[in-house]
Every structure is written in structure tokens, then in C-alpha cells.
Amino acid sequence: MTNNCDVQTFVDYKSEIKKLHDYYCCINQATRLNDSKTAMTLIKNSLSGLNASIKALESGIEEGGLLCQESGQ
């Protein structure tokens, strides 16, 4: 059995998942700010980043890269 998981692809996914965490932390911190305008800007930017990371991960999963499936060939 061979593993068709590309190591660099896996590293890219780990990086993308870390971005999800970072964006979440940014949103969480923004909710604690006294300046609502700055908070809303941070949240809006973080949501954009979250959406981009989620789309990148979803497309990778659909292509099978993230799953690193084994084949019997």
C-alpha cells in the first residue's frame, strides 16, 4: 500500500488550520475592546480571513489531499 499524502500539502494544511485558530483568537480579543469601531473592524477582517482559510481547507479536502488516503496499488 502506498500513501499518496504529500508532506508539503500536509504542512500547508497545518498552517491553514493554525490561521483559523489565530483568527478566532483575534475575534475573541476584539470582543473585549472598549472601542467598538476598532473591534468591528478587527472582527470583519478576521471573518474574511476565516472564510478564506475555510475555503482553502474545504477545497483541499474535496481533492483528497487532507485525508491522505491510502491506495492498494
PDB file of N, CA and C in Angstrom:
ATOM      1  N   MET A   1       0.839  -1.196   0.000  1.00  0.00           N
ATOM      2  CA  MET A   1       0.000   0.000   0.000  1.00  0.00           C
ATOM      3  C   MET A   1       0.878   1.252   0.000  1.00  0.00           C
ATOM      4  N   THR A   2       0.485   2.211  -0.773  1.00  0.00           N
ATOM      5  CA  THR A   2       1.231   3.465  -0.812  1.00  0.00           C
ATOM      6  C   THR A   2       0.376   4.580  -0.238  1.00  0.00           C
ATOM      7  N   ASN A   3       1.036   5.511   0.360  1.00  0.00           N
ATOM      8  CA  ASN A   3       0.337   6.652   0.936  1.00  0.00           C
ATOM      9  C   ASN A   3       0.510   7.827  -0.017  1.00  0.00           C
ATOM     10  N   ASN A   4      -0.589   8.363  -0.537  1.00  0.00           N
ATOM     11  CA  ASN A   4      -0.479   9.455  -1.509  1.00  0.00           C
ATOM     12  C   ASN A   4      -0.558  10.826  -0.844  1.00  0.00           C
ATOM     13  N   CYS A   5      -0.238  10.878   0.429  1.00  0.00           N
ATOM     14  CA  CYS A   5      -0.244  12.152   1.157  1.00  0.00           C
ATOM     15  C   CYS A   5       1.055  12.889   0.876  1.00  0.00           C
ATOM     16  N   ASP A   6       0.957  14.048   0.301  1.00  0.00           N
ATOM     17  CA  ASP A   6       2.119  14.883   0.032  1.00  0.00           C
ATOM     18  C   ASP A   6       2.497  15.626   1.314  1.00  0.00           C
ATOM     19  N   VAL A   7       3.749  15.492   1.734  1.00  0.00           N
ATOM     20  CA  VAL A   7       4.181  16.093   3.003  1.00  0.00           C
ATOM     21  C   VAL A   7       3.988  17.605   2.994  1.00  0.00           C
ATOM     22  N   GLN A   8       4.353  18.264   1.906  1.00  0.00           N
ATOM     23  CA  GLN A   8       4.208  19.719   1.841  1.00  0.00           C
ATOM     24  C   GLN A   8       2.743  20.122   1.918  1.00  0.00           C
ATOM     25  N   THR A   9       1.876  19.346   1.286  1.00  0.00           N
ATOM     26  CA  THR A   9       0.445  19.637   1.351  1.00  0.00           C
ATOM     27  C   THR A   9      -0.032  19.570   2.786  1.00  0.00           C
ATOM     28  N   PHE A  10       0.425  18.549   3.517  1.00  0.00           N
ATOM     29  CA  PHE A  10       0.025  18.395   4.914  1.00  0.00           C
ATOM     30  C   PHE A  10       0.508  19.585   5.741  1.00  0.00           C
ATOM     31  N   VAL A  11       1.745  20.030   5.505  1.00  0.00           N
ATOM     32  CA  VAL A  11       2.278  21.199   6.213  1.00  0.00           C
ATOM     33  C   VAL A  11       1.435  22.432   5.900  1.00  0.00           C
ATOM     34  N   ASP A  12       1.025  22.577   4.640  1.00  0.00           N
ATOM     35  CA  ASP A  12       0.184  23.709   4.250  1.00  0.00           C
ATOM     36  C   ASP A  12      -1.145  23.682   4.994  1.00  0.00           C
ATOM     37  N   TYR A  13      -1.721  22.483   5.145  1.00  0.00           N
ATOM     38  CA  TYR A  13      -2.990  22.373   5.864  1.00  0.00           C
ATOM     39  C   TYR A  13      -2.823  22.726   7.332  1.00  0.00           C
ATOM     40  N   LYS A  14      -1.724  22.261   7.932  1.00  0.00           N
ATOM     41  CA  LYS A  14      -1.481  22.592   9.338  1.00  0.00           C
ATOM     42  C   LYS A  14      -1.370  24.103   9.498  1.00  0.00           C
ATOM     43  N   SER A  15      -0.707  24.748   8.552  1.00  0.00           N
ATOM     44  CA  SER A  15      -0.566  26.201   8.575  1.00  0.00           C
ATOM     45  C   SER A  15      -1.929  26.876   8.456  1.00  0.00           C
ATOM     46  N   GLU A  16      -2.761  26.348   7.578  1.00  0.00           N
ATOM     47  CA  GLU A  16      -4.097  26.918   7.367  1.00  0.00           C
ATOM     48  C   GLU A  16      -4.953  26.749   8.626  1.00  0.00           C
ATOM     49  N   ILE A  17      -4.834  25.602   9.272  1.00  0.00           N
ATOM     50  CA  ILE A  17      -5.592  25.352  10.499  1.00  0.00           C
ATOM     51  C   ILE A  17      -5.115  26.277  11.613  1.00  0.00           C
ATOM     52  N   LYS A  18      -3.804  26.550  11.656  1.00  0.00           N
ATOM     53  CA  LYS A  18      -3.291  27.492  12.657  1.00  0.00           C
ATOM     54  C   LYS A  18      -3.873  28.884  12.414  1.00  0.00           C
ATOM     55  N   LYS A  19      -4.030  29.247  11.144  1.00  0.00           N
ATOM     56  CA  LYS A  19      -4.640  30.542  10.829  1.00  0.00           C
ATOM     57  C   LYS A  19      -6.055  30.619  11.385  1.00  0.00           C
ATOM     58  N   LEU A  20      -6.817  29.519  11.274  1.00  0.00           N
ATOM     59  CA  LEU A  20      -8.177  29.501  11.824  1.00  0.00           C
ATOM     60  C   LEU A  20      -8.140  29.832  13.309  1.00  0.00           C
ATOM     61  N   HIS A  21      -7.212  29.220  14.012  1.00  0.00           N
ATOM     62  CA  HIS A  21      -7.076  29.464  15.452  1.00  0.00           C
ATOM     63  C   HIS A  21      -6.709  30.924  15.722  1.00  0.00           C
ATOM     64  N   ASP A  22      -5.767  31.443  14.952  1.00  0.00           N
ATOM     65  CA  ASP A  22      -5.330  32.831  15.141  1.00  0.00           C
ATOM     66  C   ASP A  22      -6.465  33.822  14.889  1.00  0.00           C
ATOM     67  N   TYR A  23      -7.242  33.583  13.834  1.00  0.00           N
ATOM     68  CA  TYR A  23      -8.379  34.466  13.548  1.00  0.00           C
ATOM     69  C   TYR A  23      -9.409  34.404  14.672  1.00  0.00           C
ATOM     70  N   TYR A  24      -9.654  33.207  15.168  1.00  0.00           N
ATOM     71  CA  TYR A  24     -10.607  33.045  16.275  1.00  0.00           C
ATOM     72  C   TYR A  24     -10.128  33.826  17.497  1.00  0.00           C
ATOM     73  N   CYS A  25      -8.840  33.715  17.818  1.00  0.00           N
ATOM     74  CA  CYS A  25      -8.283  34.440  18.967  1.00  0.00           C
ATOM     75  C   CYS A  25      -8.418  35.948  18.778  1.00  0.00           C
ATOM     76  N   CYS A  26      -8.197  36.416  17.563  1.00  0.00           N
ATOM     77  CA  CYS A  26      -8.321  37.842  17.263  1.00  0.00           C
ATOM     78  C   CYS A  26      -9.756  38.312  17.493  1.00  0.00           C
ATOM     79  N   ILE A  27     -10.719  37.523  17.038  1.00  0.00           N
ATOM     80  CA  ILE A  27     -12.130  37.873  17.252  1.00  0.00           C
ATOM     81  C   ILE A  27     -12.440  37.893  18.739  1.00  0.00           C
ATOM     82  N   ASN A  28     -11.957  36.903  19.448  1.00  0.00           N
ATOM     83  CA  ASN A  28     -12.188  36.811  20.885  1.00  0.00           C
ATOM     84  C   ASN A  28     -11.625  38.040  21.606  1.00  0.00           C
ATOM     85  N   GLN A  29     -10.422  38.461  21.238  1.00  0.00           N
ATOM     86  CA  GLN A  29      -9.809  39.644  21.851  1.00  0.00           C
ATOM     87  C   GLN A  29     -10.564  40.911  21.466  1.00  0.00           C
ATOM     88  N   ALA A  30     -11.035  40.973  20.237  1.00  0.00           N
ATOM     89  CA  ALA A  30     -11.757  42.166  19.774  1.00  0.00           C
ATOM     90  C   ALA A  30     -13.032  42.385  20.579  1.00  0.00           C
ATOM     91  N   THR A  31     -13.655  41.303  21.020  1.00  0.00           N
ATOM     92  CA  THR A  31     -14.895  41.448  21.794  1.00  0.00           C
ATOM     93  C   THR A  31     -14.642  42.082  23.154  1.00  0.00           C
ATOM     94  N   ARG A  32     -13.384  42.131  23.564  1.00  0.00           N
ATOM     95  CA  ARG A  32     -13.041  42.715  24.868  1.00  0.00           C
ATOM     96  C   ARG A  32     -12.609  44.184  24.771  1.00  0.00           C
ATOM     97  N   LEU A  33     -12.524  44.702  23.548  1.00  0.00           N
ATOM     98  CA  LEU A  33     -12.082  46.088  23.375  1.00  0.00           C
ATOM     99  C   LEU A  33     -13.189  47.066  23.761  1.00  0.00           C
ATOM    100  N   ASN A  34     -12.776  48.213  24.283  1.00  0.00           N
ATOM    101  CA  ASN A  34     -13.743  49.262  24.618  1.00  0.00           C
ATOM    102  C   ASN A  34     -14.144  50.071  23.391  1.00  0.00           C
ATOM    103  N   ASP A  35     -13.281  50.078  22.379  1.00  0.00           N
ATOM    104  CA  ASP A  35     -13.535  50.839  21.155  1.00  0.00           C
ATOM    105  C   ASP A  35     -14.293  49.951  20.167  1.00  0.00           C
ATOM    106  N   SER A  36     -15.593  50.170  20.060  1.00  0.00           N
ATOM    107  CA  SER A  36     -16.415  49.277  19.238  1.00  0.00           C
ATOM    108  C   SER A  36     -16.083  49.376  17.748  1.00  0.00           C
ATOM    109  N   LYS A  37     -15.670  50.562  17.281  1.00  0.00           N
ATOM    110  CA  LYS A  37     -15.338  50.706  15.862  1.00  0.00           C
ATOM    111  C   LYS A  37     -14.117  49.850  15.513  1.00  0.00           C
ATOM    112  N   THR A  38     -13.089  49.921  16.341  1.00  0.00           N
ATOM    113  CA  THR A  38     -11.893  49.102  16.125  1.00  0.00           C
ATOM    114  C   THR A  38     -12.233  47.622  16.244  1.00  0.00           C
ATOM    115  N   ALA A  39     -13.063  47.294  17.228  1.00  0.00           N
ATOM    116  CA  ALA A  39     -13.462  45.898  17.431  1.00  0.00           C
ATOM    117  C   ALA A  39     -14.174  45.359  16.192  1.00  0.00           C
ATOM    118  N   MET A  40     -15.096  46.133  15.653  1.00  0.00           N
ATOM    119  CA  MET A  40     -15.844  45.678  14.477  1.00  0.00           C
ATOM    120  C   MET A  40     -14.939  45.523  13.260  1.00  0.00           C
ATOM    121  N   THR A  41     -13.967  46.412  13.114  1.00  0.00           N
ATOM    122  CA  THR A  41     -13.018  46.301  12.004  1.00  0.00           C
ATOM    123  C   THR A  41     -12.191  45.028  12.139  1.00  0.00           C
ATOM    124  N   LEU A  42     -11.696  44.764  13.349  1.00  0.00           N
ATOM    125  CA  LEU A  42     -10.916  43.549  13.586  1.00  0.00           C
ATOM    126  C   LEU A  42     -11.745  42.295  13.321  1.00  0.00           C
ATOM    127  N   ILE A  43     -12.982  42.311  13.795  1.00  0.00           N
ATOM    128  CA  ILE A  43     -13.859  41.157  13.608  1.00  0.00           C
ATOM    129  C   ILE A  43     -14.149  40.941  12.122  1.00  0.00           C
ATOM    130  N   LYS A  44     -14.438  42.030  11.408  1.00  0.00           N
ATOM    131  CA  LYS A  44     -14.728  41.924   9.971  1.00  0.00           C
ATOM    132  C   LYS A  44     -13.532  41.347   9.216  1.00  0.00           C
ATOM    133  N   ASN A  45     -12.332  41.859   9.509  1.00  0.00           N
ATOM    134  CA  ASN A  45     -11.128  41.366   8.840  1.00  0.00           C
ATOM    135  C   ASN A  45     -10.856  39.906   9.189  1.00  0.00           C
ATOM    136  N   SER A  46     -11.077  39.558  10.449  1.00  0.00           N
ATOM    137  CA  SER A  46     -10.851  38.179  10.879  1.00  0.00           C
ATOM    138  C   SER A  46     -11.845  37.226  10.229  1.00  0.00           C
ATOM    139  N   LEU A  47     -13.082  37.659  10.089  1.00  0.00           N
ATOM    140  CA  LEU A  47     -14.084  36.816   9.433  1.00  0.00           C
ATOM    141  C   LEU A  47     -13.723  36.575   7.968  1.00  0.00           C
ATOM    142  N   SER A  48     -13.191  37.602   7.308  1.00  0.00           N
ATOM    143  CA  SER A  48     -12.733  37.434   5.921  1.00  0.00           C
ATOM    144  C   SER A  48     -11.628  36.392   5.855  1.00  0.00           C
ATOM    145  N   GLY A  49     -10.679  36.501   6.784  1.00  0.00           N
ATOM    146  CA  GLY A  49      -9.583  35.533   6.836  1.00  0.00           C
ATOM    147  C   GLY A  49     -10.074  34.129   7.145  1.00  0.00           C
ATOM    148  N   LEU A  50     -11.009  34.033   8.083  1.00  0.00           N
ATOM    149  CA  LEU A  50     -11.587  32.726   8.423  1.00  0.00           C
ATOM    150  C   LEU A  50     -12.239  32.097   7.201  1.00  0.00           C
ATOM    151  N   ASN A  51     -13.018  32.885   6.482  1.00  0.00           N
ATOM    152  CA  ASN A  51     -13.693  32.369   5.286  1.00  0.00           C
ATOM    153  C   ASN A  51     -12.693  31.876   4.250  1.00  0.00           C
ATOM    154  N   ALA A  52     -11.618  32.628   4.042  1.00  0.00           N
ATOM    155  CA  ALA A  52     -10.604  32.230   3.062  1.00  0.00           C
ATOM    156  C   ALA A  52      -9.926  30.925   3.485  1.00  0.00           C
ATOM    157  N   SER A  53      -9.601  30.810   4.771  1.00  0.00           N
ATOM    158  CA  SER A  53      -8.955  29.593   5.262  1.00  0.00           C
ATOM    159  C   SER A  53      -9.888  28.395   5.169  1.00  0.00           C
ATOM    160  N   ILE A  54     -11.142  28.598   5.504  1.00  0.00           N
ATOM    161  CA  ILE A  54     -12.121  27.511   5.437  1.00  0.00           C
ATOM    162  C   ILE A  54     -12.281  27.040   3.994  1.00  0.00           C
ATOM    163  N   LYS A  55     -12.359  27.981   3.051  1.00  0.00           N
ATOM    164  CA  LYS A  55     -12.498  27.601   1.639  1.00  0.00           C
ATOM    165  C   LYS A  55     -11.274  26.832   1.153  1.00  0.00           C
ATOM    166  N   ALA A  56     -10.080  27.267   1.569  1.00  0.00           N
ATOM    167  CA  ALA A  56      -8.858  26.565   1.170  1.00  0.00           C
ATOM    168  C   ALA A  56      -8.852  25.144   1.721  1.00  0.00           C
ATOM    169  N   LEU A  57      -9.256  24.991   2.969  1.00  0.00           N
ATOM    170  CA  LEU A  57      -9.308  23.660   3.571  1.00  0.00           C
ATOM    171  C   LEU A  57     -10.372  22.790   2.913  1.00  0.00           C
ATOM    172  N   GLU A  58     -11.539  23.372   2.656  1.00  0.00           N
ATOM    173  CA  GLU A  58     -12.615  22.606   2.020  1.00  0.00           C
ATOM    174  C   GLU A  58     -12.203  22.112   0.641  1.00  0.00           C
ATOM    175  N   SER A  59     -11.564  22.963  -0.149  1.00  0.00           N
ATOM    176  CA  SER A  59     -11.171  22.538  -1.492  1.00  0.00           C
ATOM    177  C   SER A  59     -10.102  21.456  -1.406  1.00  0.00           C
ATOM    178  N   GLY A  60      -9.224  21.555  -0.434  1.00  0.00           N
ATOM    179  CA  GLY A  60      -8.204  20.523  -0.251  1.00  0.00           C
ATOM    180  C   GLY A  60      -8.798  19.198   0.168  1.00  0.00           C
ATOM    181  N   ILE A  61      -9.802  19.245   1.026  1.00  0.00           N
ATOM    182  CA  ILE A  61     -10.458  18.015   1.468  1.00  0.00           C
ATOM    183  C   ILE A  61     -11.171  17.366   0.293  1.00  0.00           C
ATOM    184  N   GLU A  62     -11.833  18.171  -0.527  1.00  0.00           N
ATOM    185  CA  GLU A  62     -12.539  17.637  -1.694  1.00  0.00           C
ATOM    186  C   GLU A  62     -11.578  16.969  -2.668  1.00  0.00           C
ATOM    187  N   GLU A  63     -10.359  17.489  -2.757  1.00  0.00           N
ATOM    188  CA  GLU A  63      -9.360  16.897  -3.648  1.00  0.00           C
ATOM    189  C   GLU A  63      -8.712  15.668  -3.022  1.00  0.00           C
ATOM    190  N   GLY A  64      -8.971  15.424  -1.744  1.00  0.00           N
ATOM    191  CA  GLY A  64      -8.428  14.248  -1.075  1.00  0.00           C
ATOM    192  C   GLY A  64      -7.070  14.465  -0.444  1.00  0.00           C
ATOM    193  N   GLY A  65      -6.505  15.643  -0.599  1.00  0.00           N
ATOM    194  CA  GLY A  65      -5.169  15.889  -0.066  1.00  0.00           C
ATOM    195  C   GLY A  65      -5.093  15.815   1.444  1.00  0.00           C
ATOM    196  N   LEU A  66      -6.077  16.374   2.112  1.00  0.00           N
ATOM    197  CA  LEU A  66      -6.029  16.415   3.568  1.00  0.00           C
ATOM    198  C   LEU A  66      -6.258  15.036   4.170  1.00  0.00           C
ATOM    199  N   LEU A  67      -7.033  14.232   3.496  1.00  0.00           N
ATOM    200  CA  LEU A  67      -7.366  12.918   4.041  1.00  0.00           C
ATOM    201  C   LEU A  67      -6.203  11.937   3.940  1.00  0.00           C
ATOM    202  N   CYS A  68      -5.276  12.192   3.011  1.00  0.00           N
ATOM    203  CA  CYS A  68      -4.094  11.339   2.838  1.00  0.00           C
ATOM    204  C   CYS A  68      -4.496   9.876   2.741  1.00  0.00           C
ATOM    205  N   GLN A  69      -5.404   9.573   1.847  1.00  0.00           N
ATOM    206  CA  GLN A  69      -5.923   8.214   1.722  1.00  0.00           C
ATOM    207  C   GLN A  69      -4.854   7.259   1.205  1.00  0.00           C
ATOM    208  N   GLU A  70      -4.935   6.047   1.684  1.00  0.00           N
ATOM    209  CA  GLU A  70      -4.027   5.011   1.211  1.00  0.00           C
ATOM    210  C   GLU A  70      -4.691   4.247   0.075  1.00  0.00           C
ATOM    211  N   SER A  71      -3.881   3.861  -0.897  1.00  0.00           N
ATOM    212  CA  SER A  71      -4.414   3.077  -2.014  1.00  0.00           C
ATOM    213  C   SER A  71      -3.694   1.737  -2.058  1.00  0.00           C
ATOM    214  N   GLY A  72      -4.351   0.753  -2.601  1.00  0.00           N
ATOM    215  CA  GLY A  72      -3.771  -0.585  -2.660  1.00  0.00           C
ATOM    216  C   GLY A  72      -2.947  -0.842  -3.905  1.00  0.00           C
ATOM    217  N   GLN A  73      -2.644   0.183  -4.675  1.00  0.00           N
ATOM    218  CA  GLN A  73      -1.923  -0.007  -5.938  1.00  0.00           C
ATOM    219  C   GLN A  73      -0.438  -0.150  -5.726  1.00  0.00           C
TER     220      GLN A  73
END
